Amino acid sequence: MTAVAPKKRGRTSFASFAEDASISTLPAYEQPAGPAPTSAPLPDLSHNPHNPRDGYDDDATRELAASMESLGQLQPATVVSRDVFLAHYPDDTEQIGVARWVVIMGNRRLAAAHLAGLDQLAITVADHLGGTDPKLTEALLVENLHREALPPLLEARELQALVELHGSNSAVARRIGKTDAWVSQRLGLRKLAPEAARALQAGELSFREARGLASKPAEAQLLRLAELRGDVERAPEPPPAPAAAERPRRGRPKTGPPPVEQAARKLREQYDSDDIARLVELLTAPDLPR
């Protein structure tokens, strides 16, 4: 694969580039005839406005910039032409500005190229994703889902958009190569009360804790969240009921719920809906794993 030579223009920040690009006066773009280009000047490239990252001011981008500065670009970015992108997202015209290409996969590479002072970015044109079907939309959503360390609530948002495209959790799981449980667990986070969602986003809750909260009513979520934060003391467990002095005689009316219902209540107190579904699966399996 041909690498783009690391031509330097002097270091700059991505923020300053974005400001300069917004006042650029490049002519309107017309798709050229012939083979698709394999590289493009950085001012001709726009970040994907639907990329969920909050900027690229992090160590990973700086390390990639240093690598691109010394070795050049080793992997091309995937782009679509301006017209193809705006046919799907006409409201993004202002954000794209006058860029001729929109980066679908490789937005960090574009940011690193600016930091490294490169003039060009190697690209692969994927205009086949355009058209009347939602391939481009799906490509953007799937690309977002496969990012490293994407926050769970953003995963849930992208998954919900895919469910709206394909109609079911199972269909989405097949499209992205995940299990049904993986998809369902993350979609369940959309049931979090706003305060619990903010706690998850801030890192105050683990993913597992958030899953457990999402299976409860809103008021119960807030109470449990307060317990996890240490704002209130957890109510002590009630003492076990004393053993009956004697077993009831046959024909004597029973009091209280049957033992199976008692067990079900205990399980619902201890496990969330995903764990209970797994328990049912194990109990109904022909051979219970040891």
Foldseek 3Di string as FASTA:
>chain_A
DDFDQQDAPDFDAPVVVLVVLLPDDDDADDDDDDDDDFKDFLSQEAEDPPQPDPDQPDPVLQVLLVCCLVPGDDDAFEKEFPVQVCVVVVVCDSRRHRHGIYTQGCNSVSRSSNRNRGGMTGYDYDSVCGDDANSSVLSNLLNNCPDPPDQLQVVLVSLVVVCVRVVDLCVSCVVNVHDSLVNVLSVLLVQADPVLVVCSVVVVDDSQRSSQLSQDPHVVSVVVSCCSVVVDPDDDDDDDDDDDPDDDDPPDDDDDDDPVVVVVVVCVVPDGPVVVVVVVVQVPDPDRDD
